């Protein structure tokens, strides 16, 4: 009889244990949901996650813009780093559209004379900002998608790198590979 009562007690233990308060789901815990309650003010000197708004409405309006960021070694270095992060996946490390993805997405050769001589810095900045037929936008969110990943100034640093150092870097890479 004692064995039976021990077996019955052992079988009931899991049921008893699951009834204790620690068995509740995290889903059912008390919490504050987004948009509930009073919003606390942002800490001083905080930066909004939405970035700095772009003041032009479309890529056409950027054609005549001039680059407000002076070409310097620091600007080119920052532009090179941002180019490697955001642009090299499609346009290749050297800008020659030689990445494995380039042919699939139709990326253009950024070292081409047309890009280097005929396209204005404003147009390049506008293309980075608003995207193009295949390229996503990196400065605004549009109906086709895009993001606000690069600030206004960061986009100008990328343009400085593309116009003033990308061809040199591509030439140096070609010489080094021989």
C-alpha atoms as a PDB file:
ATOM      1  CA  UNK A   1       0.000   0.000   0.000  1.00  0.00           C
ATOM      2  CA  UNK A   2       2.851   2.309   0.820  1.00  0.00           C
ATOM      3  CA  UNK A   3       4.401   1.668  -2.617  1.00  0.00           C
ATOM      4  CA  UNK A   4       1.173   2.606  -4.372  1.00  0.00           C
ATOM      5  CA  UNK A   5       0.851   5.887  -2.483  1.00  0.00           C
ATOM      6  CA  UNK A   6       4.495   6.740  -3.322  1.00  0.00           C
ATOM      7  CA  UNK A   7       3.840   6.016  -7.018  1.00  0.00           C
ATOM      8  CA  UNK A   8       0.658   8.123  -6.982  1.00  0.00           C
ATOM      9  CA  UNK A   9       2.497  10.961  -5.212  1.00  0.00           C
ATOM     10  CA  UNK A  10       5.348  10.769  -7.752  1.00  0.00           C
ATOM     11  CA  UNK A  11       2.890  10.958 -10.655  1.00  0.00           C
ATOM     12  CA  UNK A  12       1.158  14.008  -9.136  1.00  0.00           C
ATOM     13  CA  UNK A  13       4.377  15.981  -8.547  1.00  0.00           C
ATOM     14  CA  UNK A  14       4.713  17.239 -12.156  1.00  0.00           C
ATOM     15  CA  UNK A  15       1.121  18.491 -12.063  1.00  0.00           C
ATOM     16  CA  UNK A  16       1.694  20.264  -8.769  1.00  0.00           C
ATOM     17  CA  UNK A  17       4.982  21.772  -9.921  1.00  0.00           C
ATOM     18  CA  UNK A  18       3.404  23.135 -13.116  1.00  0.00           C
ATOM     19  CA  UNK A  19       0.782  24.933 -11.036  1.00  0.00           C
ATOM     20  CA  UNK A  20       3.318  27.151  -9.282  1.00  0.00           C
ATOM     21  CA  UNK A  21       3.819  30.791 -10.398  1.00  0.00           C
ATOM     22  CA  UNK A  22       7.155  30.100 -12.109  1.00  0.00           C
ATOM     23  CA  UNK A  23       5.408  28.049 -14.747  1.00  0.00           C
ATOM     24  CA  UNK A  24       3.802  31.046 -16.484  1.00  0.00           C
ATOM     25  CA  UNK A  25       4.846  31.961 -20.000  1.00  0.00           C
ATOM     26  CA  UNK A  26       6.924  35.032 -20.723  1.00  0.00           C
ATOM     27  CA  UNK A  27       4.153  35.943 -23.141  1.00  0.00           C
ATOM     28  CA  UNK A  28       1.681  36.302 -20.279  1.00  0.00           C
ATOM     29  CA  UNK A  29       3.858  38.425 -18.027  1.00  0.00           C
ATOM     30  CA  UNK A  30       2.953  41.990 -17.115  1.00  0.00           C
ATOM     31  CA  UNK A  31       4.637  44.401 -19.487  1.00  0.00           C
ATOM     32  CA  UNK A  32       4.235  47.750 -21.191  1.00  0.00           C
ATOM     33  CA  UNK A  33       3.444  47.392 -24.867  1.00  0.00           C
ATOM     34  CA  UNK A  34       4.676  49.881 -27.481  1.00  0.00           C
ATOM     35  CA  UNK A  35       2.554  53.024 -27.729  1.00  0.00           C
ATOM     36  CA  UNK A  36       1.150  52.455 -24.212  1.00  0.00           C
ATOM     37  CA  UNK A  37       1.502  54.824 -21.334  1.00  0.00           C
ATOM     38  CA  UNK A  38       3.244  58.171 -21.173  1.00  0.00           C
ATOM     39  CA  UNK A  39       6.290  58.499 -23.392  1.00  0.00           C
ATOM     40  CA  UNK A  40       9.372  59.521 -21.465  1.00  0.00           C
ATOM     41  CA  UNK A  41      11.484  62.308 -22.958  1.00  0.00           C
ATOM     42  CA  UNK A  42      14.599  61.364 -24.877  1.00  0.00           C
ATOM     43  CA  UNK A  43      17.904  61.737 -23.048  1.00  0.00           C
ATOM     44  CA  UNK A  44      19.784  64.947 -23.741  1.00  0.00           C
ATOM     45  CA  UNK A  45      22.142  64.833 -26.727  1.00  0.00           C
ATOM     46  CA  UNK A  46      20.478  61.697 -28.129  1.00  0.00           C
ATOM     47  CA  UNK A  47      20.420  61.140 -31.882  1.00  0.00           C
ATOM     48  CA  UNK A  48      17.142  60.189 -33.576  1.00  0.00           C
ATOM     49  CA  UNK A  49      17.233  56.831 -35.356  1.00  0.00           C
ATOM     50  CA  UNK A  50      15.518  58.264 -38.399  1.00  0.00           C
ATOM     51  CA  UNK A  51      18.631  60.290 -39.244  1.00  0.00           C
ATOM     52  CA  UNK A  52      18.708  63.701 -40.860  1.00  0.00           C
ATOM     53  CA  UNK A  53      15.931  64.247 -43.378  1.00  0.00           C
ATOM     54  CA  UNK A  54      16.829  64.718 -47.017  1.00  0.00           C
ATOM     55  CA  UNK A  55      15.529  68.032 -48.301  1.00  0.00           C
ATOM     56  CA  UNK A  56      15.264  67.171 -52.005  1.00  0.00           C
ATOM     57  CA  UNK A  57      12.247  65.290 -53.326  1.00  0.00           C
ATOM     58  CA  UNK A  58      13.778  63.118 -56.053  1.00  0.00           C
ATOM     59  CA  UNK A  59      16.960  62.236 -57.910  1.00  0.00           C
ATOM     60  CA  UNK A  60      16.341  64.735 -60.730  1.00  0.00           C
ATOM     61  CA  UNK A  61      16.589  67.633 -58.255  1.00  0.00           C
ATOM     62  CA  UNK A  62      20.090  66.528 -57.222  1.00  0.00           C
ATOM     63  CA  UNK A  63      21.721  66.868 -60.646  1.00  0.00           C
ATOM     64  CA  UNK A  64      22.957  70.432 -60.050  1.00  0.00           C
ATOM     65  CA  UNK A  65      23.874  70.038 -56.372  1.00  0.00           C
ATOM     66  CA  UNK A  66      27.454  70.682 -55.361  1.00  0.00           C
ATOM     67  CA  UNK A  67      29.295  68.707 -52.745  1.00  0.00           C
ATOM     68  CA  UNK A  68      29.415  70.666 -49.463  1.00  0.00           C
ATOM     69  CA  UNK A  69      32.022  68.273 -48.006  1.00  0.00           C
ATOM     70  CA  UNK A  70      35.562  69.303 -48.857  1.00  0.00           C
ATOM     71  CA  UNK A  71      37.706  66.629 -50.476  1.00  0.00           C
ATOM     72  CA  UNK A  72      40.281  65.590 -47.891  1.00  0.00           C
ATOM     73  CA  UNK A  73      42.113  62.452 -46.840  1.00  0.00           C
ATOM     74  CA  UNK A  74      39.705  62.056 -43.908  1.00  0.00           C
ATOM     75  CA  UNK A  75      36.665  62.388 -46.178  1.00  0.00           C
ATOM     76  CA  UNK A  76      38.083  59.927 -48.709  1.00  0.00           C
ATOM     77  CA  UNK A  77      38.963  57.455 -45.950  1.00  0.00           C
ATOM     78  CA  UNK A  78      35.453  57.615 -44.504  1.00  0.00           C
ATOM     79  CA  UNK A  79      33.965  57.362 -48.001  1.00  0.00           C
ATOM     80  CA  UNK A  80      36.147  54.313 -48.753  1.00  0.00           C
ATOM     81  CA  UNK A  81      34.983  52.576 -45.571  1.00  0.00           C
ATOM     82  CA  UNK A  82      31.323  53.305 -46.327  1.00  0.00           C
ATOM     83  CA  UNK A  83      31.783  52.242 -49.967  1.00  0.00           C
ATOM     84  CA  UNK A  84      33.197  48.882 -48.849  1.00  0.00           C
ATOM     85  CA  UNK A  85      30.278  48.350 -46.468  1.00  0.00           C
ATOM     86  CA  UNK A  86      27.397  49.461 -48.694  1.00  0.00           C
ATOM     87  CA  UNK A  87      28.540  49.525 -52.334  1.00  0.00           C
ATOM     88  CA  UNK A  88      31.173  46.851 -52.869  1.00  0.00           C
ATOM     89  CA  UNK A  89      28.704  43.987 -52.663  1.00  0.00           C
ATOM     90  CA  UNK A  90      27.268  44.965 -56.048  1.00  0.00           C
ATOM     91  CA  UNK A  91      29.910  47.244 -57.581  1.00  0.00           C
ATOM     92  CA  UNK A  92      32.953  45.258 -56.409  1.00  0.00           C
ATOM     93  CA  UNK A  93      35.825  46.365 -54.181  1.00  0.00           C
ATOM     94  CA  UNK A  94      37.435  48.142 -57.127  1.00  0.00           C
ATOM     95  CA  UNK A  95      34.216  49.658 -58.497  1.00  0.00           C
ATOM     96  CA  UNK A  96      34.509  47.707 -61.758  1.00  0.00           C
ATOM     97  CA  UNK A  97      31.281  45.734 -61.208  1.00  0.00           C
ATOM     98  CA  UNK A  98      33.337  42.582 -60.759  1.00  0.00           C
ATOM     99  CA  UNK A  99      31.638  41.071 -57.732  1.00  0.00           C
ATOM    100  CA  UNK A 100      29.701  37.793 -57.970  1.00  0.00           C
ATOM    101  CA  UNK A 101      26.465  39.762 -57.617  1.00  0.00           C
ATOM    102  CA  UNK A 102      27.239  42.443 -60.240  1.00  0.00           C
ATOM    103  CA  UNK A 103      26.006  40.619 -63.335  1.00  0.00           C
ATOM    104  CA  UNK A 104      22.850  39.434 -61.608  1.00  0.00           C
ATOM    105  CA  UNK A 105      21.747  42.894 -60.483  1.00  0.00           C
ATOM    106  CA  UNK A 106      23.094  44.889 -63.425  1.00  0.00           C
ATOM    107  CA  UNK A 107      25.580  46.978 -61.434  1.00  0.00           C
ATOM    108  CA  UNK A 108      27.587  49.472 -63.479  1.00  0.00           C
ATOM    109  CA  UNK A 109      31.342  50.021 -63.568  1.00  0.00           C
ATOM    110  CA  UNK A 110      31.921  53.093 -61.400  1.00  0.00           C
ATOM    111  CA  UNK A 111      35.433  53.598 -62.803  1.00  0.00           C
ATOM    112  CA  UNK A 112      34.041  54.062 -66.325  1.00  0.00           C
ATOM    113  CA  UNK A 113      34.754  57.427 -67.972  1.00  0.00           C
ATOM    114  CA  UNK A 114      30.999  58.121 -68.244  1.00  0.00           C
ATOM    115  CA  UNK A 115      30.553  57.887 -64.472  1.00  0.00           C
ATOM    116  CA  UNK A 116      33.780  59.697 -63.652  1.00  0.00           C
ATOM    117  CA  UNK A 117      33.497  62.539 -66.187  1.00  0.00           C
ATOM    118  CA  UNK A 118      29.853  62.950 -67.212  1.00  0.00           C
ATOM    119  CA  UNK A 119      27.853  62.313 -64.037  1.00  0.00           C
ATOM    120  CA  UNK A 120      27.819  65.177 -61.565  1.00  0.00           C
ATOM    121  CA  UNK A 121      28.580  64.710 -57.889  1.00  0.00           C
ATOM    122  CA  UNK A 122      25.006  65.755 -57.156  1.00  0.00           C
ATOM    123  CA  UNK A 123      23.669  63.038 -59.457  1.00  0.00           C
ATOM    124  CA  UNK A 124      25.801  60.381 -57.747  1.00  0.00           C
ATOM    125  CA  UNK A 125      24.645  61.642 -54.345  1.00  0.00           C
ATOM    126  CA  UNK A 126      21.042  61.522 -55.579  1.00  0.00           C
ATOM    127  CA  UNK A 127      21.487  57.976 -56.846  1.00  0.00           C
ATOM    128  CA  UNK A 128      22.826  56.876 -53.460  1.00  0.00           C
ATOM    129  CA  UNK A 129      19.989  58.735 -51.740  1.00  0.00           C
ATOM    130  CA  UNK A 130      17.037  57.665 -53.897  1.00  0.00           C
ATOM    131  CA  UNK A 131      18.411  54.559 -55.596  1.00  0.00           C
ATOM    132  CA  UNK A 132      17.834  53.716 -59.246  1.00  0.00           C
ATOM    133  CA  UNK A 133      16.058  51.004 -61.197  1.00  0.00           C
ATOM    134  CA  UNK A 134      17.798  48.177 -59.379  1.00  0.00           C
ATOM    135  CA  UNK A 135      19.822  49.911 -56.695  1.00  0.00           C
ATOM    136  CA  UNK A 136      18.111  50.426 -53.342  1.00  0.00           C
ATOM    137  CA  UNK A 137      17.912  53.848 -51.719  1.00  0.00           C
ATOM    138  CA  UNK A 138      20.333  54.478 -48.867  1.00  0.00           C
ATOM    139  CA  UNK A 139      19.034  57.891 -47.864  1.00  0.00           C
ATOM    140  CA  UNK A 140      15.248  57.701 -47.900  1.00  0.00           C
ATOM    141  CA  UNK A 141      12.521  55.158 -47.581  1.00  0.00           C
ATOM    142  CA  UNK A 142      10.487  54.966 -50.806  1.00  0.00           C
ATOM    143  CA  UNK A 143       7.581  52.881 -52.060  1.00  0.00           C
ATOM    144  CA  UNK A 144      10.100  50.458 -53.572  1.00  0.00           C
ATOM    145  CA  UNK A 145      11.918  50.113 -50.260  1.00  0.00           C
ATOM    146  CA  UNK A 146      15.182  51.644 -49.185  1.00  0.00           C
ATOM    147  CA  UNK A 147      16.495  52.791 -45.869  1.00  0.00           C
ATOM    148  CA  UNK A 148      17.986  55.732 -44.085  1.00  0.00           C
ATOM    149  CA  UNK A 149      21.299  53.957 -43.493  1.00  0.00           C
ATOM    150  CA  UNK A 150      23.589  56.771 -44.604  1.00  0.00           C
ATOM    151  CA  UNK A 151      23.359  60.315 -43.322  1.00  0.00           C
ATOM    152  CA  UNK A 152      23.468  63.236 -45.743  1.00  0.00           C
ATOM    153  CA  UNK A 153      27.138  63.854 -44.963  1.00  0.00           C
ATOM    154  CA  UNK A 154      28.093  60.184 -45.226  1.00  0.00           C
ATOM    155  CA  UNK A 155      26.630  60.050 -48.744  1.00  0.00           C
ATOM    156  CA  UNK A 156      28.819  63.019 -49.718  1.00  0.00           C
ATOM    157  CA  UNK A 157      31.892  61.214 -48.332  1.00  0.00           C
ATOM    158  CA  UNK A 158      31.072  58.233 -50.568  1.00  0.00           C
ATOM    159  CA  UNK A 159      30.802  60.598 -53.547  1.00  0.00           C
ATOM    160  CA  UNK A 160      34.207  62.103 -52.671  1.00  0.00           C
ATOM    161  CA  UNK A 161      35.705  58.620 -52.643  1.00  0.00           C
ATOM    162  CA  UNK A 162      34.021  57.621 -55.903  1.00  0.00           C
ATOM    163  CA  UNK A 163      35.119  60.761 -57.750  1.00  0.00           C
ATOM    164  CA  UNK A 164      38.581  61.293 -56.275  1.00  0.00           C
ATOM    165  CA  UNK A 165      40.051  57.942 -55.207  1.00  0.00           C
ATOM    166  CA  UNK A 166      38.120  54.968 -56.586  1.00  0.00           C
ATOM    167  CA  UNK A 167      39.922  54.923 -59.953  1.00  0.00           C
ATOM    168  CA  UNK A 168      43.322  55.186 -58.209  1.00  0.00           C
ATOM    169  CA  UNK A 169      42.413  52.322 -55.858  1.00  0.00           C
ATOM    170  CA  UNK A 170      41.199  50.201 -58.811  1.00  0.00           C
ATOM    171  CA  UNK A 171      44.422  50.851 -60.740  1.00  0.00           C
ATOM    172  CA  UNK A 172      46.537  49.992 -57.690  1.00  0.00           C
ATOM    173  CA  UNK A 173      44.573  46.762 -57.160  1.00  0.00           C
ATOM    174  CA  UNK A 174      45.077  45.790 -60.820  1.00  0.00           C
ATOM    175  CA  UNK A 175      48.836  46.400 -60.593  1.00  0.00           C
ATOM    176  CA  UNK A 176      49.059  44.456 -57.306  1.00  0.00           C
ATOM    177  CA  UNK A 177      47.233  41.461 -58.773  1.00  0.00           C
ATOM    178  CA  UNK A 178      49.756  41.036 -61.616  1.00  0.00           C
END
